[in-house]
């Protein structure tokens, strides 16, 4: 195995020295704090009616109320955990499938490669939102179906990336030496190829996670995934958009939190990519 190609943790951690990445870490930390701690410190239940609909901020509801009279702050504090959990689950499933397909296609150099990749190309030609709508319509509007649908839309991109990386890595001398020693395909993939493309996978994971979050938010906003009275940031935007001119906090705050999450993840990914030598775009500050 070529040690220089394997993920270097010390090199990876250099990204923390860039100011833009530091801002991203702070943003991610804020979102995690809200999502993990928020439900336990919310002043009211997420479905509890506390005042008139679209009431202004007050001591009873610090961010005002939504279209039903529920406390916006309580729903904001309770609405991030599900979004993050669904995003992580969808991204994890997509990587398990995508990495497996990509490694098989990139290393096999047989009929398996074109068969797998042509199938992937077909899925790439279908808009992600259409795939989501088809799966959710057929399987039902529930979190499990949403996770599977989002994962399906991510698999083609991951598989193509891993295939290219595996194809290039499989020609290296240390891989050929492993084959010459008589190591089987699973061992070569596990010990020689996968560790040496891990840096590429790690960098791409942030992008895939961001895309998962945006896809989940999109279908929740359209009202075809999670259903009321679920406390979800995207669903809150959809429910309260009619009252933007009356009580903007009900939609603006959850929208801002989704924006902070996606931007922060991208800032961190940019720093990681540059630190690992995958990107030539230097992050801001040092």
Protein backbone atom coordinates (compact mmCIF):
# COMPACT_ATOMS: atom_id res chain seq x y z
CA UNK A 1 0.00 0.00 0.00
CA UNK A 2 1.24 3.48 -0.79
CA UNK A 3 1.22 5.39 2.53
CA UNK A 4 1.17 8.79 0.81
CA UNK A 5 -2.13 7.99 -0.83
CA UNK A 6 -3.90 6.91 2.34
CA UNK A 7 -5.90 9.51 4.26
CA UNK A 8 -3.48 11.64 6.29
CA UNK A 9 -5.33 12.84 9.39
CA UNK A 10 -2.75 15.52 10.19
CA UNK A 11 -2.98 16.90 6.68
CA UNK A 12 -6.76 16.73 6.85
CA UNK A 13 -6.89 18.77 10.06
CA UNK A 14 -5.07 21.64 8.39
CA UNK A 15 -8.44 22.87 7.16
CA UNK A 16 -9.19 24.14 10.66
CA UNK A 17 -6.56 26.84 10.14
CA UNK A 18 -8.62 28.65 7.49
CA UNK A 19 -11.02 31.32 8.70
CA UNK A 20 -13.74 30.31 6.25
CA UNK A 21 -13.60 26.73 7.53
CA UNK A 22 -13.69 27.99 11.12
CA UNK A 23 -16.84 29.95 10.31
CA UNK A 24 -18.28 26.79 8.80
CA UNK A 25 -17.47 24.76 11.91
CA UNK A 26 -19.13 27.38 14.10
CA UNK A 27 -22.22 27.29 11.88
CA UNK A 28 -22.41 23.50 11.98
CA UNK A 29 -21.92 23.57 15.76
CA UNK A 30 -24.79 26.05 16.10
CA UNK A 31 -27.13 23.90 14.04
CA UNK A 32 -26.17 20.76 15.97
CA UNK A 33 -26.75 22.57 19.24
CA UNK A 34 -30.21 23.69 18.14
CA UNK A 35 -31.12 20.25 16.78
CA UNK A 36 -29.83 18.15 19.67
CA UNK A 37 -30.53 20.38 22.67
CA UNK A 38 -33.43 22.42 21.29
CA UNK A 39 -36.32 20.02 21.97
CA UNK A 40 -35.38 19.73 25.66
CA UNK A 41 -35.29 23.51 26.22
CA UNK A 42 -38.29 24.49 24.09
CA UNK A 43 -40.69 26.59 26.20
CA UNK A 44 -43.78 24.91 24.71
CA UNK A 45 -44.70 21.74 22.93
CA UNK A 46 -44.27 21.96 19.14
CA UNK A 47 -48.01 21.46 18.58
CA UNK A 48 -49.26 23.53 21.52
CA UNK A 49 -51.47 26.54 20.70
CA UNK A 50 -50.23 29.50 22.76
CA UNK A 51 -51.81 32.57 21.12
CA UNK A 52 -53.63 33.87 18.05
CA UNK A 53 -52.32 32.92 14.59
CA UNK A 54 -49.42 35.06 13.32
CA UNK A 55 -49.21 36.92 16.61
CA UNK A 56 -46.24 39.27 17.08
CA UNK A 57 -43.28 38.29 19.27
CA UNK A 58 -44.08 38.52 22.99
CA UNK A 59 -42.97 37.16 26.33
CA UNK A 60 -45.16 34.10 25.71
CA UNK A 61 -43.77 33.50 22.21
CA UNK A 62 -40.37 35.16 21.66
CA UNK A 63 -40.52 34.69 17.88
CA UNK A 64 -44.28 35.09 17.62
CA UNK A 65 -46.71 32.42 16.53
CA UNK A 66 -47.35 30.53 13.30
CA UNK A 67 -50.48 30.18 11.18
CA UNK A 68 -52.20 28.09 13.87
CA UNK A 69 -51.02 30.06 16.88
CA UNK A 70 -48.17 27.72 17.87
CA UNK A 71 -44.94 29.06 19.33
CA UNK A 72 -42.44 29.58 16.48
CA UNK A 73 -39.42 29.32 18.78
CA UNK A 74 -40.55 25.96 20.15
CA UNK A 75 -41.14 24.59 16.67
CA UNK A 76 -37.77 25.88 15.47
CA UNK A 77 -36.02 24.23 18.40
CA UNK A 78 -37.87 20.97 17.71
CA UNK A 79 -37.63 21.00 13.91
CA UNK A 80 -33.94 20.41 13.21
CA UNK A 81 -33.37 16.96 14.70
CA UNK A 82 -35.54 15.16 12.15
CA UNK A 83 -34.02 17.03 9.20
CA UNK A 84 -30.47 16.21 10.25
CA UNK A 85 -31.31 12.59 11.05
CA UNK A 86 -32.96 12.06 7.67
CA UNK A 87 -30.06 13.76 5.88
CA UNK A 88 -27.42 11.64 7.64
CA UNK A 89 -29.38 8.41 7.07
CA UNK A 90 -29.97 9.12 3.37
CA UNK A 91 -26.33 10.05 2.79
CA UNK A 92 -25.05 6.97 4.63
CA UNK A 93 -27.28 4.60 2.65
CA UNK A 94 -26.31 6.31 -0.60
CA UNK A 95 -22.61 5.81 0.17
CA UNK A 96 -22.98 2.17 1.10
CA UNK A 97 -24.67 1.50 -2.25
CA UNK A 98 -22.67 3.97 -4.34
CA UNK A 99 -19.25 2.94 -3.05
CA UNK A 100 -20.09 -0.73 -3.57
CA UNK A 101 -21.24 -0.16 -7.15
CA UNK A 102 -18.33 2.16 -7.93
CA UNK A 103 -15.69 -0.22 -6.60
CA UNK A 104 -17.20 -3.19 -8.44
CA UNK A 105 -17.40 -1.26 -11.70
CA UNK A 106 -13.99 0.39 -11.42
CA UNK A 107 -12.03 -2.72 -10.53
CA UNK A 108 -13.80 -5.46 -12.45
CA UNK A 109 -12.75 -4.45 -16.00
CA UNK A 110 -15.34 -6.86 -17.32
CA UNK A 111 -18.96 -6.84 -18.44
CA UNK A 112 -19.92 -5.77 -14.91
CA UNK A 113 -18.57 -2.26 -15.52
CA UNK A 114 -20.68 -1.28 -18.55
CA UNK A 115 -23.79 -2.99 -17.20
CA UNK A 116 -23.60 -1.17 -13.86
CA UNK A 117 -22.67 2.21 -15.31
CA UNK A 118 -25.29 2.17 -18.08
CA UNK A 119 -27.90 1.47 -15.42
CA UNK A 120 -26.53 4.37 -13.40
CA UNK A 121 -26.65 6.64 -16.46
CA UNK A 122 -30.35 5.90 -16.89
CA UNK A 123 -31.02 7.00 -13.33
CA UNK A 124 -28.89 10.12 -13.84
CA UNK A 125 -31.17 11.16 -16.67
CA UNK A 126 -34.21 11.37 -14.39
CA UNK A 127 -34.57 14.59 -12.36
CA UNK A 128 -34.04 13.97 -8.65
CA UNK A 129 -37.29 15.64 -7.65
CA UNK A 130 -39.21 13.33 -10.03
CA UNK A 131 -37.60 10.27 -8.45
CA UNK A 132 -38.58 11.55 -5.02
CA UNK A 133 -42.18 12.17 -6.06
CA UNK A 134 -42.51 8.72 -7.66
CA UNK A 135 -41.07 6.87 -4.64
CA UNK A 136 -43.04 8.88 -2.09
CA UNK A 137 -46.26 8.46 -4.04
CA UNK A 138 -45.81 4.71 -4.33
CA UNK A 139 -44.31 3.94 -0.91
CA UNK A 140 -46.18 6.48 1.18
CA UNK A 141 -45.31 9.75 2.85
CA UNK A 142 -43.16 8.56 5.73
CA UNK A 143 -39.57 9.16 6.88
CA UNK A 144 -38.32 5.73 5.75
CA UNK A 145 -39.58 6.23 2.21
CA UNK A 146 -38.10 9.72 2.13
CA UNK A 147 -34.67 8.45 3.20
CA UNK A 148 -34.68 5.70 0.56
CA UNK A 149 -35.83 8.10 -2.16
CA UNK A 150 -33.13 10.66 -1.39
CA UNK A 151 -30.49 7.92 -1.22
CA UNK A 152 -31.52 6.62 -4.66
CA UNK A 153 -30.98 10.06 -6.21
CA UNK A 154 -27.48 10.28 -4.69
CA UNK A 155 -26.19 6.82 -5.61
CA UNK A 156 -25.40 7.54 -9.30
CA UNK A 157 -23.13 10.50 -8.51
CA UNK A 158 -21.26 8.60 -5.81
CA UNK A 159 -20.90 5.48 -7.95
CA UNK A 160 -19.44 7.44 -10.88
CA UNK A 161 -16.97 9.26 -8.65
CA UNK A 162 -15.82 6.09 -6.89
CA UNK A 163 -15.57 4.21 -10.19
CA UNK A 164 -13.20 6.78 -11.69
CA UNK A 165 -11.08 6.86 -8.53
CA UNK A 166 -10.98 3.06 -8.28
CA UNK A 167 -10.15 2.70 -11.97
CA UNK A 168 -7.17 5.03 -11.61
CA UNK A 169 -5.98 3.48 -8.35
CA UNK A 170 -6.24 -0.10 -9.63
CA UNK A 171 -3.36 0.54 -12.06
CA UNK A 172 -0.92 1.45 -9.26
CA UNK A 173 2.02 -0.81 -8.52
CA UNK A 174 0.96 -1.69 -4.99
CA UNK A 175 -2.39 -2.98 -6.27
CA UNK A 176 -0.69 -5.09 -8.93
CA UNK A 177 1.70 -6.40 -6.27
CA UNK A 178 -1.23 -7.42 -4.08
CA UNK A 179 -2.80 -9.28 -6.99
CA UNK A 180 0.53 -10.96 -7.72
CA UNK A 181 0.68 -12.13 -4.09
CA UNK A 182 -2.58 -13.94 -4.68
CA UNK A 183 -4.91 -11.67 -2.70
CA UNK A 184 -8.55 -12.01 -3.68
CA UNK A 185 -10.73 -9.22 -5.03
CA UNK A 186 -12.42 -8.41 -1.68
CA UNK A 187 -9.03 -8.09 0.02
CA UNK A 188 -7.61 -5.89 -2.73
CA UNK A 189 -10.63 -3.61 -2.63
CA UNK A 190 -10.66 -3.41 1.16
CA UNK A 191 -6.91 -3.07 1.83
CA UNK A 192 -5.45 -1.43 -1.25
CA UNK A 193 -8.06 0.55 -3.20
CA UNK A 194 -10.62 1.80 -0.69
CA UNK A 195 -8.11 3.36 1.79
CA UNK A 196 -6.44 5.18 -1.09
CA UNK A 197 -9.61 6.80 -2.38
CA UNK A 198 -10.98 7.61 1.07
CA UNK A 199 -9.88 11.25 0.86
CA UNK A 200 -11.97 11.75 -2.28
CA UNK A 201 -14.98 10.06 -0.69
CA UNK A 202 -14.63 12.15 2.46
CA UNK A 203 -14.57 15.38 0.50
CA UNK A 204 -17.55 14.40 -1.59
CA UNK A 205 -19.54 13.33 1.48
CA UNK A 206 -20.08 16.93 2.56
CA UNK A 207 -21.49 17.83 -0.84
CA UNK A 208 -23.78 14.80 -0.85
CA UNK A 209 -25.00 15.58 2.67
CA UNK A 210 -25.82 19.15 1.66
CA UNK A 211 -27.70 17.89 -1.38
CA UNK A 212 -29.61 15.41 0.78
CA UNK A 213 -30.66 18.20 3.14
CA UNK A 214 -31.82 20.40 0.25
CA UNK A 215 -33.77 17.55 -1.38
CA UNK A 216 -35.48 16.67 1.90
CA UNK A 217 -36.28 20.33 2.51
CA UNK A 218 -37.65 20.68 -1.02
CA UNK A 219 -40.15 17.82 -0.79
CA UNK A 220 -41.13 18.84 2.73
CA UNK A 221 -41.75 22.35 1.45
CA UNK A 222 -43.93 20.91 -1.32
CA UNK A 223 -45.88 18.98 1.32
CA UNK A 224 -45.31 15.52 -0.19
CA UNK A 225 -43.08 14.06 2.52
CA UNK A 226 -43.45 14.79 6.24
CA UNK A 227 -46.96 15.82 7.11
CA UNK A 228 -48.37 18.31 9.65
CA UNK A 229 -48.19 18.67 12.58
CA UNK A 230 -44.56 17.53 12.30
CA UNK A 231 -42.08 20.19 13.38
CA UNK A 232 -39.77 20.51 10.39
CA UNK A 233 -37.95 23.63 9.23
CA UNK A 234 -38.88 23.26 5.56
CA UNK A 235 -42.47 22.41 6.42
CA UNK A 236 -42.57 25.53 8.60
CA UNK A 237 -41.54 27.68 5.63
CA UNK A 238 -44.29 26.16 3.50
CA UNK A 239 -46.97 26.50 6.17
CA UNK A 240 -46.18 30.09 7.08
CA UNK A 241 -45.27 31.66 3.75
CA UNK A 242 -48.78 33.13 3.48
CA UNK A 243 -48.07 35.28 6.52
CA UNK A 244 -44.66 36.64 5.55
CA UNK A 245 -45.95 40.21 5.46
CA UNK A 246 -47.63 39.81 8.87
CA UNK A 247 -45.26 37.68 10.93
CA UNK A 248 -42.07 36.96 8.93
CA UNK A 249 -40.20 35.17 11.76
CA UNK A 250 -42.32 32.03 11.34
CA UNK A 251 -40.79 31.35 7.92
CA UNK A 252 -37.60 33.44 7.99
CA UNK A 253 -35.96 31.76 10.99
CA UNK A 254 -36.22 28.14 9.74
CA UNK A 255 -35.12 29.30 6.28
CA UNK A 256 -32.09 31.01 7.80
CA UNK A 257 -31.14 27.87 9.76
CA UNK A 258 -31.28 25.69 6.62
CA UNK A 259 -29.13 28.27 4.81
CA UNK A 260 -26.60 28.37 7.67
CA UNK A 261 -26.34 24.56 7.63
CA UNK A 262 -25.76 24.23 3.88
CA UNK A 263 -23.33 27.15 3.64
CA UNK A 264 -21.37 25.99 6.69
CA UNK A 265 -20.97 22.45 5.35
CA UNK A 266 -19.75 23.82 2.02
CA UNK A 267 -17.18 26.05 3.75
CA UNK A 268 -15.82 23.09 5.69
CA UNK A 269 -15.77 20.87 2.59
CA UNK A 270 -13.83 23.53 0.67
CA UNK A 271 -11.23 23.61 3.45
CA UNK A 272 -10.94 19.82 3.57
CA UNK A 273 -10.62 19.54 -0.21
CA UNK A 274 -7.81 22.08 -0.31
CA UNK A 275 -6.00 20.53 2.66
CA UNK A 276 -6.06 17.12 1.00
CA UNK A 277 -4.86 18.54 -2.32
CA UNK A 278 -8.10 17.66 -4.13
CA UNK A 279 -9.00 21.29 -4.91
CA UNK A 280 -6.77 24.18 -6.02
CA UNK A 281 -9.21 26.77 -4.66
CA UNK A 282 -7.64 28.16 -1.50
CA UNK A 283 -10.09 28.86 1.37
CA UNK A 284 -10.29 32.36 2.83
CA UNK A 285 -7.82 33.30 5.57
CA UNK A 286 -5.20 31.45 7.53
